[in-house]
Amino acid sequence: MRGFEDIKPSIIICCENPEKVSTELKLIQQGLEEEGVPAEIKTSNDDVESLAISAARESRLGIGIGISSDGKCLLQHKRMPPGNPVMKIFPGLQDGKDYRLIGCNAARLAKIMPLKLY
């Protein structure tokens, strides 16, 4: 197990299958890069809410993003109660720029800046 000092401050993106959501992952990473905050991608087989919660708990910044293989995406802060993510994206209801926005807002949470709206 890595010690606290060994874990670099970054936003954790946890997804079921990175190959199925590669486009969405790329857009989220672009939003994070735009704001200058690093990210780490991990895989797990869980529902999207559990992915986001575990990513937030594992992140040294306390911010995590969960993406299911169908494209549903949640932005979670470790201090928010389970079931109340900061942002949600449902596949088919939003377009690609919303995935970039969720990455941007994750970075803004880390930098304690106001979130961008749709």
N, C-alpha and C. Protein backbone atom coordinates (compact mmCIF):
# COMPACT_ATOMS: atom_id res chain seq x y z
N MET A 1 0.84 -1.19 0.00
CA MET A 1 0.00 0.00 0.00
C MET A 1 0.89 1.25 0.00
N ARG A 2 0.49 2.22 -0.79
CA ARG A 2 1.27 3.46 -0.88
C ARG A 2 0.96 4.36 0.31
N GLY A 3 2.00 5.05 0.79
CA GLY A 3 1.82 6.00 1.88
C GLY A 3 1.23 7.30 1.36
N PHE A 4 0.75 8.11 2.27
CA PHE A 4 0.11 9.37 1.88
C PHE A 4 1.06 10.25 1.08
N GLU A 5 2.34 10.26 1.44
CA GLU A 5 3.32 11.10 0.73
C GLU A 5 3.57 10.60 -0.69
N ASP A 6 3.35 9.30 -0.92
CA ASP A 6 3.59 8.71 -2.24
C ASP A 6 2.46 8.98 -3.23
N ILE A 7 1.31 9.37 -2.73
CA ILE A 7 0.16 9.61 -3.60
C ILE A 7 0.17 11.06 -4.04
N LYS A 8 0.34 11.27 -5.36
CA LYS A 8 0.38 12.64 -5.85
C LYS A 8 -1.04 13.22 -5.85
N PRO A 9 -1.17 14.52 -5.60
CA PRO A 9 -2.49 15.15 -5.63
C PRO A 9 -3.03 15.14 -7.05
N SER A 10 -4.12 14.44 -7.25
CA SER A 10 -4.75 14.38 -8.57
C SER A 10 -6.21 13.98 -8.40
N ILE A 11 -6.98 14.23 -9.42
CA ILE A 11 -8.38 13.81 -9.44
C ILE A 11 -8.41 12.40 -10.01
N ILE A 12 -9.09 11.51 -9.33
CA ILE A 12 -9.18 10.12 -9.78
C ILE A 12 -10.41 9.96 -10.67
N ILE A 13 -10.21 9.37 -11.84
CA ILE A 13 -11.30 9.01 -12.74
C ILE A 13 -11.40 7.50 -12.71
N CYS A 14 -12.51 6.99 -12.22
CA CYS A 14 -12.71 5.55 -12.10
C CYS A 14 -13.77 5.12 -13.11
N CYS A 15 -13.42 4.14 -13.95
CA CYS A 15 -14.38 3.70 -14.96
C CYS A 15 -14.40 2.17 -15.05
N GLU A 16 -15.53 1.67 -15.55
CA GLU A 16 -15.70 0.23 -15.70
C GLU A 16 -14.83 -0.31 -16.83
N ASN A 17 -14.92 0.33 -17.99
CA ASN A 17 -14.24 -0.15 -19.18
C ASN A 17 -13.70 1.05 -19.97
N PRO A 18 -12.41 1.38 -19.81
CA PRO A 18 -11.86 2.56 -20.48
C PRO A 18 -11.97 2.53 -22.01
N GLU A 19 -11.97 1.33 -22.61
CA GLU A 19 -12.07 1.25 -24.06
C GLU A 19 -13.44 1.69 -24.56
N LYS A 20 -14.49 1.35 -23.82
CA LYS A 20 -15.85 1.72 -24.25
C LYS A 20 -16.13 3.20 -24.11
N VAL A 21 -15.47 3.87 -23.17
CA VAL A 21 -15.73 5.29 -22.92
C VAL A 21 -14.51 6.15 -23.22
N SER A 22 -13.71 5.73 -24.20
CA SER A 22 -12.47 6.44 -24.50
C SER A 22 -12.73 7.88 -24.95
N THR A 23 -13.78 8.11 -25.72
CA THR A 23 -14.11 9.47 -26.16
C THR A 23 -14.47 10.35 -24.97
N GLU A 24 -15.31 9.83 -24.08
CA GLU A 24 -15.72 10.58 -22.90
C GLU A 24 -14.52 10.85 -21.99
N LEU A 25 -13.66 9.85 -21.83
CA LEU A 25 -12.45 10.02 -21.00
C LEU A 25 -11.56 11.12 -21.54
N LYS A 26 -11.39 11.13 -22.87
CA LYS A 26 -10.54 12.14 -23.49
C LYS A 26 -11.10 13.54 -23.25
N LEU A 27 -12.42 13.69 -23.36
CA LEU A 27 -13.04 15.00 -23.14
C LEU A 27 -12.91 15.44 -21.68
N ILE A 28 -13.09 14.52 -20.75
CA ILE A 28 -12.93 14.85 -19.33
C ILE A 28 -11.50 15.28 -19.05
N GLN A 29 -10.54 14.55 -19.61
CA GLN A 29 -9.13 14.90 -19.41
C GLN A 29 -8.80 16.26 -20.03
N GLN A 30 -9.42 16.60 -21.15
CA GLN A 30 -9.20 17.91 -21.75
C GLN A 30 -9.69 19.02 -20.83
N GLY A 31 -10.84 18.80 -20.20
CA GLY A 31 -11.37 19.79 -19.25
C GLY A 31 -10.44 19.96 -18.05
N LEU A 32 -9.89 18.86 -17.56
CA LEU A 32 -8.95 18.93 -16.44
C LEU A 32 -7.65 19.62 -16.85
N GLU A 33 -7.13 19.29 -18.03
CA GLU A 33 -5.90 19.91 -18.52
C GLU A 33 -6.08 21.41 -18.74
N GLU A 34 -7.26 21.79 -19.22
CA GLU A 34 -7.58 23.19 -19.44
C GLU A 34 -7.39 24.00 -18.17
N GLU A 35 -7.72 23.40 -17.03
CA GLU A 35 -7.60 24.07 -15.73
C GLU A 35 -6.28 23.75 -15.03
N GLY A 36 -5.46 22.88 -15.61
CA GLY A 36 -4.15 22.59 -15.07
C GLY A 36 -4.12 21.66 -13.87
N VAL A 37 -5.07 20.74 -13.78
CA VAL A 37 -5.12 19.80 -12.66
C VAL A 37 -4.90 18.38 -13.21
N PRO A 38 -3.97 17.62 -12.61
CA PRO A 38 -3.69 16.28 -13.10
C PRO A 38 -4.78 15.27 -12.73
N ALA A 39 -4.83 14.20 -13.50
CA ALA A 39 -5.82 13.13 -13.27
C ALA A 39 -5.14 11.78 -13.34
N GLU A 40 -5.77 10.82 -12.70
CA GLU A 40 -5.31 9.44 -12.71
C GLU A 40 -6.51 8.57 -13.07
N ILE A 41 -6.33 7.63 -14.00
CA ILE A 41 -7.44 6.77 -14.42
C ILE A 41 -7.27 5.39 -13.78
N LYS A 42 -8.35 4.90 -13.19
CA LYS A 42 -8.38 3.57 -12.58
C LYS A 42 -9.60 2.83 -13.09
N THR A 43 -9.54 1.52 -13.05
CA THR A 43 -10.68 0.71 -13.48
C THR A 43 -11.23 -0.10 -12.30
N SER A 44 -12.53 -0.32 -12.36
CA SER A 44 -13.21 -1.09 -11.32
C SER A 44 -14.54 -1.56 -11.88
N ASN A 45 -15.06 -2.64 -11.35
CA ASN A 45 -16.37 -3.15 -11.77
C ASN A 45 -17.40 -2.88 -10.69
N ASP A 46 -18.00 -1.72 -10.76
CA ASP A 46 -19.01 -1.29 -9.80
C ASP A 46 -20.04 -0.43 -10.52
N ASP A 47 -21.08 -0.04 -9.80
CA ASP A 47 -22.03 0.90 -10.40
C ASP A 47 -21.39 2.29 -10.38
N VAL A 48 -21.93 3.19 -11.17
CA VAL A 48 -21.30 4.49 -11.38
C VAL A 48 -21.22 5.30 -10.08
N GLU A 49 -22.21 5.20 -9.23
CA GLU A 49 -22.18 5.94 -7.96
C GLU A 49 -21.04 5.45 -7.07
N SER A 50 -20.88 4.13 -6.99
CA SER A 50 -19.79 3.56 -6.19
C SER A 50 -18.43 3.92 -6.78
N LEU A 51 -18.34 3.96 -8.11
CA LEU A 51 -17.10 4.35 -8.76
C LEU A 51 -16.71 5.78 -8.38
N ALA A 52 -17.67 6.69 -8.43
CA ALA A 52 -17.40 8.09 -8.13
C ALA A 52 -17.04 8.28 -6.65
N ILE A 53 -17.75 7.59 -5.76
CA ILE A 53 -17.49 7.72 -4.33
C ILE A 53 -16.11 7.17 -3.98
N SER A 54 -15.77 6.00 -4.52
CA SER A 54 -14.46 5.42 -4.22
C SER A 54 -13.34 6.26 -4.83
N ALA A 55 -13.57 6.85 -6.00
CA ALA A 55 -12.57 7.72 -6.62
C ALA A 55 -12.34 8.96 -5.76
N ALA A 56 -13.40 9.55 -5.23
CA ALA A 56 -13.27 10.74 -4.38
C ALA A 56 -12.55 10.40 -3.08
N ARG A 57 -12.85 9.25 -2.52
CA ARG A 57 -12.19 8.85 -1.26
C ARG A 57 -10.71 8.53 -1.48
N GLU A 58 -10.39 8.01 -2.64
CA GLU A 58 -9.00 7.62 -2.93
C GLU A 58 -8.14 8.82 -3.34
N SER A 59 -8.78 9.84 -3.90
CA SER A 59 -8.05 11.02 -4.36
C SER A 59 -7.55 11.85 -3.18
N ARG A 60 -6.32 12.29 -3.27
CA ARG A 60 -5.78 13.15 -2.22
C ARG A 60 -6.48 14.51 -2.21
N LEU A 61 -7.05 14.89 -3.34
CA LEU A 61 -7.81 16.14 -3.43
C LEU A 61 -9.25 15.97 -2.96
N GLY A 62 -9.69 14.73 -2.79
CA GLY A 62 -11.06 14.47 -2.34
C GLY A 62 -12.10 14.60 -3.43
N ILE A 63 -11.66 14.56 -4.69
CA ILE A 63 -12.57 14.73 -5.82
C ILE A 63 -12.40 13.55 -6.77
N GLY A 64 -13.52 12.93 -7.15
CA GLY A 64 -13.46 11.80 -8.04
C GLY A 64 -14.55 11.84 -9.09
N ILE A 65 -14.29 11.19 -10.21
CA ILE A 65 -15.25 11.09 -11.30
C ILE A 65 -15.46 9.60 -11.58
N GLY A 66 -16.72 9.19 -11.68
CA GLY A 66 -17.05 7.82 -12.03
C GLY A 66 -17.74 7.78 -13.38
N ILE A 67 -17.34 6.84 -14.22
CA ILE A 67 -17.96 6.68 -15.54
C ILE A 67 -18.32 5.22 -15.74
N SER A 68 -19.60 4.98 -16.04
CA SER A 68 -20.03 3.61 -16.33
C SER A 68 -19.76 3.32 -17.81
N SER A 69 -19.83 2.07 -18.19
CA SER A 69 -19.53 1.70 -19.58
C SER A 69 -20.57 2.22 -20.56
N ASP A 70 -21.76 2.61 -20.09
CA ASP A 70 -22.76 3.19 -20.99
C ASP A 70 -22.62 4.71 -21.13
N GLY A 71 -21.68 5.32 -20.40
CA GLY A 71 -21.43 6.75 -20.54
C GLY A 71 -21.99 7.61 -19.42
N LYS A 72 -22.71 7.04 -18.47
CA LYS A 72 -23.20 7.82 -17.33
C LYS A 72 -22.01 8.26 -16.50
N CYS A 73 -22.00 9.52 -16.09
CA CYS A 73 -20.83 10.09 -15.44
C CYS A 73 -21.25 10.92 -14.23
N LEU A 74 -20.53 10.75 -13.11
CA LEU A 74 -20.81 11.50 -11.89
C LEU A 74 -19.54 12.16 -11.38
N LEU A 75 -19.66 13.39 -10.93
CA LEU A 75 -18.58 14.11 -10.27
C LEU A 75 -18.92 14.14 -8.79
N GLN A 76 -18.02 13.60 -7.96
CA GLN A 76 -18.29 13.45 -6.53
C GLN A 76 -17.18 14.10 -5.71
N HIS A 77 -17.58 14.78 -4.64
CA HIS A 77 -16.63 15.30 -3.65
C HIS A 77 -16.76 14.43 -2.42
N LYS A 78 -15.66 14.15 -1.73
CA LYS A 78 -15.71 13.22 -0.60
C LYS A 78 -16.57 13.73 0.56
N ARG A 79 -16.80 15.03 0.63
CA ARG A 79 -17.62 15.58 1.71
C ARG A 79 -19.11 15.61 1.39
N MET A 80 -19.45 15.32 0.14
CA MET A 80 -20.87 15.26 -0.23
C MET A 80 -21.40 13.88 0.14
N PRO A 81 -22.65 13.83 0.61
CA PRO A 81 -23.21 12.52 0.96
C PRO A 81 -23.42 11.65 -0.28
N PRO A 82 -23.31 10.33 -0.12
CA PRO A 82 -23.57 9.44 -1.25
C PRO A 82 -24.97 9.69 -1.81
N GLY A 83 -25.07 9.67 -3.11
CA GLY A 83 -26.36 9.93 -3.76
C GLY A 83 -26.56 11.39 -4.12
N ASN A 84 -25.64 12.26 -3.69
CA ASN A 84 -25.71 13.69 -4.01
C ASN A 84 -24.42 14.15 -4.71
N PRO A 85 -24.22 13.72 -5.96
CA PRO A 85 -22.99 14.15 -6.65
C PRO A 85 -23.05 15.64 -6.99
N VAL A 86 -21.90 16.20 -7.25
CA VAL A 86 -21.82 17.61 -7.63
C VAL A 86 -22.44 17.81 -9.01
N MET A 87 -22.17 16.87 -9.93
CA MET A 87 -22.71 16.92 -11.30
C MET A 87 -23.00 15.51 -11.79
N LYS A 88 -23.98 15.40 -12.69
CA LYS A 88 -24.34 14.12 -13.33
C LYS A 88 -24.45 14.33 -14.82
N ILE A 89 -24.04 13.35 -15.57
CA ILE A 89 -24.25 13.34 -17.01
C ILE A 89 -24.89 12.00 -17.38
N PHE A 90 -26.02 12.07 -18.08
CA PHE A 90 -26.69 10.87 -18.55
C PHE A 90 -26.40 10.71 -20.03
N PRO A 91 -26.02 9.52 -20.48
CA PRO A 91 -25.70 9.33 -21.90
C PRO A 91 -26.91 9.58 -22.78
N GLY A 92 -26.67 10.26 -23.89
CA GLY A 92 -27.74 10.53 -24.84
C GLY A 92 -28.51 11.80 -24.57
N LEU A 93 -28.48 12.29 -23.33
CA LEU A 93 -29.22 13.51 -23.00
C LEU A 93 -28.35 14.76 -23.16
N GLN A 94 -27.05 14.60 -23.02
CA GLN A 94 -26.14 15.72 -23.18
C GLN A 94 -25.18 15.42 -24.32
N ASP A 95 -24.47 16.46 -24.77
CA ASP A 95 -23.49 16.24 -25.83
C ASP A 95 -22.08 16.18 -25.25
N GLY A 96 -21.09 16.04 -26.12
CA GLY A 96 -19.72 15.85 -25.70
C GLY A 96 -19.14 16.97 -24.86
N LYS A 97 -19.60 18.20 -25.09
CA LYS A 97 -19.02 19.32 -24.34
C LYS A 97 -19.33 19.22 -22.84
N ASP A 98 -20.36 18.47 -22.47
CA ASP A 98 -20.69 18.31 -21.06
C ASP A 98 -19.66 17.45 -20.34
N TYR A 99 -19.07 16.49 -21.03
CA TYR A 99 -18.01 15.70 -20.42
C TYR A 99 -16.78 16.57 -20.17
N ARG A 100 -16.50 17.46 -21.10
CA ARG A 100 -15.39 18.39 -20.90
C ARG A 100 -15.69 19.32 -19.73
N LEU A 101 -16.95 19.74 -19.62
CA LEU A 101 -17.37 20.62 -18.53
C LEU A 101 -17.23 19.94 -17.16
N ILE A 102 -17.54 18.65 -17.09
CA ILE A 102 -17.42 17.94 -15.82
C ILE A 102 -15.95 17.85 -15.40
N GLY A 103 -15.04 17.69 -16.38
CA GLY A 103 -13.61 17.71 -16.08
C GLY A 103 -13.16 19.08 -15.62
N CYS A 104 -13.64 20.10 -16.28
CA CYS A 104 -13.31 21.47 -15.93
C CYS A 104 -13.81 21.80 -14.52
N ASN A 105 -15.03 21.40 -14.21
CA ASN A 105 -15.60 21.68 -12.88
C ASN A 105 -14.93 20.87 -11.78
N ALA A 106 -14.47 19.68 -12.10
CA ALA A 106 -13.73 18.88 -11.12
C ALA A 106 -12.45 19.64 -10.74
N ALA A 107 -11.77 20.17 -11.74
CA ALA A 107 -10.55 20.93 -11.49
C ALA A 107 -10.86 22.21 -10.72
N ARG A 108 -11.96 22.86 -11.04
CA ARG A 108 -12.33 24.09 -10.33
C ARG A 108 -12.69 23.81 -8.87
N LEU A 109 -13.28 22.66 -8.60
CA LEU A 109 -13.53 22.27 -7.21
C LEU A 109 -12.20 22.16 -6.45
N ALA A 110 -11.22 21.55 -7.09
CA ALA A 110 -9.91 21.37 -6.45
C ALA A 110 -9.23 22.71 -6.19
N LYS A 111 -9.45 23.67 -7.08
CA LYS A 111 -8.80 24.98 -6.95
C LYS A 111 -9.67 25.98 -6.17
N ILE A 112 -10.81 25.52 -5.67
CA ILE A 112 -11.76 26.36 -4.92
C ILE A 112 -12.15 27.58 -5.74
N MET A 113 -12.61 27.32 -6.95
CA MET A 113 -13.09 28.36 -7.86
C MET A 113 -14.56 28.09 -8.18
N PRO A 114 -15.29 29.13 -8.59
CA PRO A 114 -16.69 28.91 -8.96
C PRO A 114 -16.82 27.94 -10.12
N LEU A 115 -17.85 27.12 -10.08
CA LEU A 115 -18.09 26.15 -11.15
C LEU A 115 -18.67 26.83 -12.37
N LYS A 116 -18.38 26.27 -13.53
CA LYS A 116 -18.98 26.76 -14.79
C LYS A 116 -20.33 26.10 -14.94
N LEU A 117 -21.29 26.83 -15.42
CA LEU A 117 -22.61 26.28 -15.69
C LEU A 117 -22.71 25.88 -17.14
N TYR A 118 -23.75 25.14 -17.46
CA TYR A 118 -23.93 24.61 -18.81
C TYR A 118 -23.97 25.69 -19.83
